[in-house]
Amino acid sequence: MAIDMEQLNHLNCDYTEVTGKPVRRFVCPITLQDDPDTELCNGHVLNGALETASRTTVIQRKDVDGYFGTTIESDLIRLLNAPISTPQELLRHARDMTVTLPSGETSAAFFANKKARAKFQQIDLLGPDGKAVASPFLRSSKLEPKLHKGLQVEWLMVFTNSAVLGTLLKSAYLALFRLLGYRWVFSAAGDKVRRSLAEFYTSQAGKEGSVDYFSEYNGAFNVLLNGLPEGICDTLNDRSFWLHFADDSEWPILFAQTCLFKVNSRLITITLPATEQDVFYFTAYVHYETLLRDRSLLQKILYARYENATIQIDPRPLHFIYAPKPQSGMGNAAE
C-alpha cells in the first residue's frame, strides 16, 4: 500500500513546528531516528489480524512496526480474538491438552503429523454438526474404536502479560501520536512511554525479555466485560479519550489519559501517564503509579475529545466500578 503522502507531509511539518528542525525523510515517533533511506509503511494502530477493530493506520518505520508485530503482538491477537474464535482456531493454540476418558482416566493429548500414528492413537473430536473439529493423539491411553459421547477435553491458552501490555502501550502511544502529533511525542509523559517502546526495539529483547521494559505499566489496561454500552466512543474512530484528575488536592492534577479501543464487541482501555505542564510531570506520575496499583484511588475521570486542534472536555465526571486486580497484574475488568 502506497504511503499516505498527505499524512507524511503533515507529520513532517508538525515535527518542524514543534522542534524547529527540518526533516530529511520521517522522524520515527518511537526511535526518533530520521533515516532518509528507511522504508516506511502505513502501520495499523491496532494489529490488522484482530477480527473486528479499527483499521486506522499511521505512518511508521517498517522495521520498527514489523519488529513489534513478529515478537509480541501475536499474544494480544490470540487473547482478544479468543471470544469469537471457532473451536478449531482455539485448539490450534492449545497447550497441555487433556482428554477425560469414559473410565474417568485422564490422558494427555497432543498434535503431530501422521507419523505419530505408528506409536499413538489418533482420535477425532467432533463438533455439534458431527464434523471433526480437531484430531489430536492420545499420549498414554487408548480408546475403543467407536463413537464416545461426552468426553471432556481441556486445554490451556498461554499469554505473556508483558507482551500483551507492550502491544497495547504501542497502540495507545501511536493513537495519541496520530491525534496530537509530535507535541505528544516530546511531552514528558509521551517521552516516558516512548523510551520504553524504543528500548525494547533497540535492545531486540524479544517476547521473553519484554517484561524488563513494560512491567512498570502492569494494571494499565482493562477489558469492559459486559459488552459495549450503546453509544460508547472510540479513540481511533471518534478521537475520544478519558482524562484522569487527582481529586485529593486543592486543585485537580491531570495525571493520566485513557485510550478506548473497540475490539470484537468489547471495549479495551489502556491508560498512559499525562500532565498538563511538564513542570508538574513528576507529581502527576506519582498519582499514575498509584492508580496502577490501586484502582480505588480518589480521582475524577472526564470524557474528552480532540477536535479542531483543541481538546474539548465534558465537565461531567464518569463513574466506573473496577473488578479486583488479578494477581498477574496484567489488567483489570471494568463494569
Protein backbone atom coordinates (compact mmCIF):
# COMPACT_ATOMS: atom_id res chain seq x y z
CA MET A 1 0.00 0.00 0.00
CA ALA A 2 1.39 3.40 -1.00
CA ILE A 3 2.35 5.77 1.78
CA ASP A 4 -0.21 8.47 2.55
CA MET A 5 1.81 11.44 1.33
CA GLU A 6 -0.66 13.97 2.74
CA GLN A 7 -0.24 12.46 6.20
CA LEU A 8 3.55 12.30 5.77
CA ASN A 9 3.75 15.97 4.82
CA HIS A 10 1.50 16.90 7.72
CA LEU A 11 3.64 14.98 10.22
CA ASN A 12 6.88 16.40 8.85
CA CYS A 13 5.54 19.96 9.08
CA ASP A 14 4.32 19.23 12.59
CA TYR A 15 7.77 17.97 13.64
CA THR A 16 9.42 21.12 12.32
CA GLU A 17 6.84 23.33 14.05
CA VAL A 18 7.35 21.54 17.39
CA THR A 19 11.16 21.25 17.31
CA GLY A 20 12.29 23.94 14.88
CA LYS A 21 14.32 21.32 13.00
CA PRO A 22 13.98 20.19 9.36
CA VAL A 23 13.08 16.63 8.39
CA ARG A 24 15.04 14.58 5.88
CA ARG A 25 12.54 11.73 5.42
CA PHE A 26 10.42 10.98 8.51
CA VAL A 27 11.18 11.12 12.23
CA CYS A 28 10.11 7.84 13.79
CA PRO A 29 7.84 8.63 16.78
CA ILE A 30 9.32 5.67 18.69
CA THR A 31 13.07 5.79 17.96
CA LEU A 32 13.27 9.49 16.92
CA GLN A 33 15.53 8.39 14.06
CA ASP A 34 15.33 10.21 10.74
CA ASP A 35 16.93 7.92 8.18
CA PRO A 36 16.44 9.15 4.58
CA ASP A 37 16.83 5.59 3.28
CA THR A 38 14.42 3.86 5.67
CA GLU A 39 11.33 2.10 4.36
CA LEU A 40 8.04 3.45 5.66
CA CYS A 41 4.63 1.81 5.97
CA ASN A 42 1.04 2.66 6.80
CA GLY A 43 1.13 0.70 10.05
CA HIS A 44 -2.10 -0.31 11.75
CA VAL A 45 -2.53 1.29 15.17
CA LEU A 46 -4.35 -1.91 16.16
CA ASN A 47 -2.98 -5.07 14.56
CA GLY A 48 -4.84 -5.91 11.35
CA ALA A 49 -5.22 -9.54 12.44
CA LEU A 50 -7.76 -8.57 15.11
CA GLU A 51 -11.08 -9.83 13.79
CA THR A 52 -13.15 -6.69 14.38
CA ALA A 53 -11.27 -3.49 15.15
CA SER A 54 -10.46 -0.12 13.64
CA ARG A 55 -8.22 -0.33 10.57
CA THR A 56 -6.81 3.14 11.21
CA THR A 57 -3.17 3.49 10.19
CA VAL A 58 -0.37 5.91 10.95
CA ILE A 59 2.95 6.24 9.14
CA GLN A 60 5.72 4.26 10.82
CA ARG A 61 9.14 2.87 10.07
CA LYS A 62 8.53 -0.55 8.56
CA ASP A 63 11.34 -2.22 10.50
CA VAL A 64 10.10 -0.89 13.85
CA ASP A 65 6.47 -1.78 13.17
CA GLY A 66 7.48 -5.23 11.90
CA TYR A 67 9.60 -5.99 14.96
CA PHE A 68 6.69 -5.46 17.34
CA GLY A 69 4.46 -7.49 15.02
CA THR A 70 6.77 -10.50 14.94
CA THR A 71 7.72 -10.54 18.63
CA ILE A 72 4.83 -9.58 20.92
CA GLU A 73 1.65 -8.71 19.02
CA SER A 74 0.52 -12.31 18.40
CA ASP A 75 -0.29 -12.76 22.10
CA LEU A 76 -2.73 -9.85 22.06
CA ILE A 77 -4.31 -11.11 18.84
CA ARG A 78 -4.97 -14.55 20.32
CA LEU A 79 -6.27 -13.07 23.58
CA LEU A 80 -8.72 -10.61 22.02
CA ASN A 81 -9.83 -12.94 19.21
CA ALA A 82 -10.45 -15.85 21.60
CA PRO A 83 -14.09 -14.98 22.49
CA ILE A 84 -15.15 -15.17 18.84
CA SER A 85 -12.80 -17.92 17.67
CA THR A 86 -14.01 -21.29 16.47
CA PRO A 87 -13.01 -24.44 18.40
CA GLN A 88 -10.60 -25.25 15.59
CA GLU A 89 -8.90 -21.86 15.96
CA LEU A 90 -8.69 -22.18 19.74
CA LEU A 91 -7.27 -25.68 19.58
CA ARG A 92 -4.61 -24.51 17.16
CA HIS A 93 -3.03 -22.60 20.06
CA ALA A 94 -3.74 -25.21 22.75
CA ARG A 95 -1.21 -26.28 25.35
CA ASP A 96 -1.37 -29.03 27.99
CA MET A 97 -4.43 -30.65 26.40
CA THR A 98 -6.08 -33.50 28.31
CA VAL A 99 -8.95 -35.86 27.48
CA THR A 100 -11.01 -37.48 30.23
CA LEU A 101 -11.89 -40.99 29.05
CA PRO A 102 -15.14 -42.90 29.80
CA SER A 103 -13.26 -44.77 32.54
CA GLY A 104 -12.51 -41.47 34.29
CA GLU A 105 -8.85 -41.76 33.42
CA THR A 106 -7.19 -38.60 32.08
CA SER A 107 -4.84 -38.80 29.13
CA ALA A 108 -2.58 -36.10 27.77
CA ALA A 109 -3.24 -35.25 24.13
CA PHE A 110 -1.09 -33.53 21.53
CA PHE A 111 -0.98 -32.61 17.86
CA ALA A 112 1.57 -34.10 15.47
CA ASN A 113 1.90 -35.23 11.88
CA LYS A 114 0.68 -38.62 10.66
CA LYS A 115 3.98 -40.32 11.52
CA ALA A 116 2.86 -40.33 15.17
CA ARG A 117 0.17 -42.92 14.25
CA ALA A 118 2.82 -45.61 14.42
CA LYS A 119 3.02 -45.18 18.20
CA PHE A 120 -0.03 -43.20 19.39
CA GLN A 121 -3.77 -43.43 18.85
CA GLN A 122 -5.32 -40.54 16.96
CA ILE A 123 -8.90 -39.52 17.76
CA ASP A 124 -11.35 -37.15 16.10
CA LEU A 125 -13.07 -34.55 18.28
CA LEU A 126 -16.50 -33.90 16.77
CA GLY A 127 -18.48 -30.68 16.90
CA PRO A 128 -22.28 -30.39 17.25
CA ASP A 129 -22.62 -30.90 13.50
CA GLY A 130 -20.78 -34.22 13.68
CA LYS A 131 -17.75 -32.92 11.79
CA ALA A 132 -14.22 -33.26 13.12
CA VAL A 133 -13.05 -30.16 14.97
CA ALA A 134 -9.55 -31.47 15.62
CA SER A 135 -7.66 -34.76 15.58
CA PRO A 136 -5.13 -34.98 18.43
CA PHE A 137 -3.13 -38.02 19.55
CA LEU A 138 -3.53 -39.67 22.96
CA ARG A 139 -0.18 -39.90 24.67
CA SER A 140 -0.71 -42.71 27.17
CA SER A 141 -4.14 -44.32 26.72
CA LYS A 142 -6.30 -45.94 24.07
CA LEU A 143 -9.99 -45.68 23.30
CA GLU A 144 -12.18 -48.43 21.89
CA PRO A 145 -12.74 -47.55 18.20
CA LYS A 146 -16.37 -46.36 18.40
CA LEU A 147 -18.27 -43.15 18.99
CA HIS A 148 -17.77 -41.87 22.55
CA LYS A 149 -20.09 -39.09 23.70
CA GLY A 150 -19.46 -36.50 26.39
CA LEU A 151 -15.69 -36.77 26.60
CA GLN A 152 -14.22 -33.83 28.48
CA VAL A 153 -11.43 -32.06 26.63
CA GLU A 154 -9.43 -29.36 28.42
CA TRP A 155 -6.51 -27.24 27.35
CA LEU A 156 -4.63 -24.08 28.21
CA MET A 157 -4.05 -20.95 26.18
CA VAL A 158 -0.97 -19.12 27.41
CA PHE A 159 -0.34 -15.38 27.05
CA THR A 160 2.68 -13.38 28.11
CA ASN A 161 1.48 -10.47 30.25
CA SER A 162 4.25 -8.13 29.23
CA ALA A 163 3.74 -8.92 25.53
CA VAL A 164 0.04 -8.05 25.71
CA LEU A 165 0.81 -4.94 27.72
CA GLY A 166 3.62 -3.79 25.42
CA THR A 167 1.41 -4.22 22.36
CA LEU A 168 -1.37 -2.12 23.87
CA LEU A 169 1.10 0.53 25.04
CA LYS A 170 2.34 0.84 21.46
CA SER A 171 -1.23 1.09 20.10
CA ALA A 172 -2.24 3.77 22.61
CA TYR A 173 1.01 5.68 22.09
CA LEU A 174 0.52 5.69 18.31
CA ALA A 175 -3.16 6.59 18.65
CA LEU A 176 -2.18 9.71 20.60
CA PHE A 177 0.62 10.42 18.12
CA ARG A 178 -1.93 10.31 15.31
CA LEU A 179 -4.16 12.73 17.23
CA LEU A 180 -1.66 15.10 18.81
CA GLY A 181 1.45 14.70 16.68
CA TYR A 182 4.95 15.39 17.95
CA ARG A 183 3.86 17.55 20.87
CA TRP A 184 2.71 14.26 22.43
CA VAL A 185 5.97 12.53 21.49
CA PHE A 186 8.12 15.26 23.09
CA SER A 187 5.95 15.81 26.16
CA ALA A 188 7.31 14.40 29.42
CA ALA A 189 4.53 11.79 29.59
CA GLY A 190 4.82 10.82 25.92
CA ASP A 191 8.59 10.55 26.13
CA LYS A 192 8.27 8.24 29.13
CA VAL A 193 6.20 5.74 27.14
CA ARG A 194 8.27 6.27 24.01
CA ARG A 195 11.51 5.35 25.75
CA SER A 196 10.05 2.04 26.97
CA LEU A 197 8.99 1.17 23.42
CA ALA A 198 12.25 2.36 21.87
CA GLU A 199 14.45 0.48 24.34
CA PHE A 200 12.51 -2.73 23.71
CA TYR A 201 13.11 -2.32 19.97
CA THR A 202 16.75 -1.24 20.07
CA SER A 203 17.71 -4.00 22.50
CA GLN A 204 15.95 -6.60 20.31
CA ALA A 205 14.75 -8.14 23.58
CA GLY A 206 12.08 -10.43 22.10
CA LYS A 207 8.93 -11.57 23.86
CA GLU A 208 10.84 -13.31 26.65
CA GLY A 209 12.62 -10.08 27.55
CA SER A 210 9.61 -7.78 27.22
CA VAL A 211 8.91 -7.89 30.97
CA ASP A 212 12.01 -5.76 31.58
CA TYR A 213 10.55 -2.92 29.50
CA PHE A 214 6.82 -2.97 30.24
CA SER A 215 6.24 -4.39 33.72
CA GLU A 216 6.11 -0.96 35.35
CA TYR A 217 2.82 -0.43 33.47
CA ASN A 218 1.14 -3.51 34.97
CA GLY A 219 -2.53 -2.76 35.51
CA ALA A 220 -2.69 -0.15 32.73
CA PHE A 221 -5.20 -1.96 30.54
CA ASN A 222 -8.72 -3.13 31.22
CA VAL A 223 -11.45 -5.04 29.44
CA LEU A 224 -15.08 -3.98 29.76
CA LEU A 225 -16.62 -7.41 30.37
CA ASN A 226 -20.31 -6.69 29.99
CA GLY A 227 -20.27 -5.79 26.31
CA LEU A 228 -20.23 -2.42 24.59
CA PRO A 229 -22.57 0.18 26.09
CA GLU A 230 -24.70 1.89 23.48
CA GLY A 231 -23.04 4.98 22.07
CA ILE A 232 -19.61 4.31 23.60
CA CYS A 233 -16.89 6.22 21.78
CA ASP A 234 -13.53 5.08 20.46
CA THR A 235 -10.20 6.90 20.30
CA LEU A 236 -9.46 5.91 16.71
CA ASN A 237 -12.93 6.43 15.25
CA ASP A 238 -14.21 9.32 17.38
CA ARG A 239 -10.95 10.96 18.56
CA SER A 240 -12.18 10.45 22.12
CA PHE A 241 -10.36 9.53 25.33
CA TRP A 242 -10.63 9.91 29.10
CA LEU A 243 -8.65 12.30 31.27
CA HIS A 244 -7.85 11.38 34.88
CA PHE A 245 -7.52 14.11 37.50
CA ALA A 246 -6.32 13.57 41.05
CA ASP A 247 -9.12 14.82 43.28
CA ASP A 248 -7.32 14.87 46.61
CA SER A 249 -5.68 18.29 46.44
CA GLU A 250 -6.67 21.96 46.33
CA TRP A 251 -6.71 21.86 42.53
CA PRO A 252 -7.23 18.85 40.26
CA ILE A 253 -3.99 17.46 38.80
CA LEU A 254 -4.12 15.79 35.38
CA PHE A 255 -2.07 12.62 35.73
CA ALA A 256 -3.35 10.04 33.20
CA GLN A 257 -5.20 9.62 29.92
CA THR A 258 -7.02 6.54 28.72
CA CYS A 259 -7.38 5.44 25.10
CA LEU A 260 -10.52 3.49 24.15
CA PHE A 261 -10.43 0.71 21.58
CA LYS A 262 -13.46 -1.28 20.36
CA VAL A 263 -12.31 -4.81 19.62
CA ASN A 264 -14.60 -7.78 18.94
CA SER A 265 -17.62 -6.27 20.75
CA ARG A 266 -15.55 -5.42 23.80
CA LEU A 267 -14.10 -2.14 25.00
CA ILE A 268 -10.37 -2.24 25.68
CA THR A 269 -8.91 0.65 27.66
CA ILE A 270 -5.23 1.44 28.06
CA THR A 271 -4.16 4.18 30.48
CA LEU A 272 -0.98 6.18 29.89
CA PRO A 273 0.62 8.91 32.02
CA ALA A 274 -0.29 12.53 31.30
CA THR A 275 0.32 16.04 32.59
CA GLU A 276 -0.94 19.50 31.68
CA GLN A 277 2.52 21.03 32.05
CA ASP A 278 5.84 19.19 32.08
CA VAL A 279 6.86 21.03 35.25
CA PHE A 280 4.17 19.03 37.10
CA TYR A 281 5.12 15.72 35.49
CA PHE A 282 6.83 14.04 38.46
CA THR A 283 3.96 14.86 40.80
CA ALA A 284 1.49 13.58 38.20
CA TYR A 285 3.46 10.39 37.62
CA VAL A 286 3.30 9.50 41.32
CA HIS A 287 -0.51 9.58 41.01
CA TYR A 288 -0.29 7.48 37.85
CA GLU A 289 1.80 4.81 39.57
CA THR A 290 -0.65 4.79 42.48
CA LEU A 291 -3.58 4.29 40.11
CA LEU A 292 -1.92 1.26 38.53
CA ARG A 293 -1.52 -0.30 41.98
CA ASP A 294 -4.86 0.78 43.43
CA ARG A 295 -7.95 1.47 41.34
CA SER A 296 -9.72 2.88 44.40
CA LEU A 297 -7.52 5.99 44.13
CA LEU A 298 -9.62 9.13 44.56
CA GLN A 299 -9.86 10.60 41.08
CA LYS A 300 -12.16 12.36 38.65
CA ILE A 301 -12.46 10.88 35.14
CA LEU A 302 -13.68 13.22 32.40
CA TYR A 303 -14.62 12.47 28.81
CA ALA A 304 -12.54 14.42 26.26
CA ARG A 305 -12.45 14.73 22.50
CA TYR A 306 -9.81 16.18 20.20
CA GLU A 307 -11.48 18.37 17.62
CA ASN A 308 -10.37 21.36 15.55
CA ALA A 309 -6.86 21.18 17.06
CA THR A 310 -8.21 21.58 20.59
CA ILE A 311 -9.15 19.18 23.40
CA GLN A 312 -12.78 19.60 24.40
CA ILE A 313 -13.62 18.30 27.90
CA ASP A 314 -17.02 17.35 29.25
CA PRO A 315 -17.08 18.54 32.90
CA ARG A 316 -19.47 15.77 34.00
CA PRO A 317 -17.46 13.00 35.77
CA LEU A 318 -17.65 9.42 34.54
CA HIS A 319 -18.23 6.61 37.03
CA PHE A 320 -16.75 3.09 36.96
CA ILE A 321 -16.50 0.08 39.22
CA TYR A 322 -13.38 -1.99 38.71
CA ALA A 323 -13.19 -5.69 39.46
CA PRO A 324 -10.34 -6.74 41.78
CA LYS A 325 -6.94 -6.56 40.16
CA PRO A 326 -5.77 -10.05 39.08
CA GLN A 327 -2.66 -11.44 40.74
CA SER A 328 -0.79 -11.40 37.44
CA GLY A 329 -1.15 -7.63 37.27
CA MET A 330 -1.91 -7.87 33.56
CA GLY A 331 -5.13 -5.86 33.59
CA ASN A 332 -8.48 -5.32 35.21
CA ALA A 333 -12.08 -5.85 34.27
CA ALA A 334 -14.42 -2.86 34.40
CA GLU A 335 -18.15 -2.86 34.83
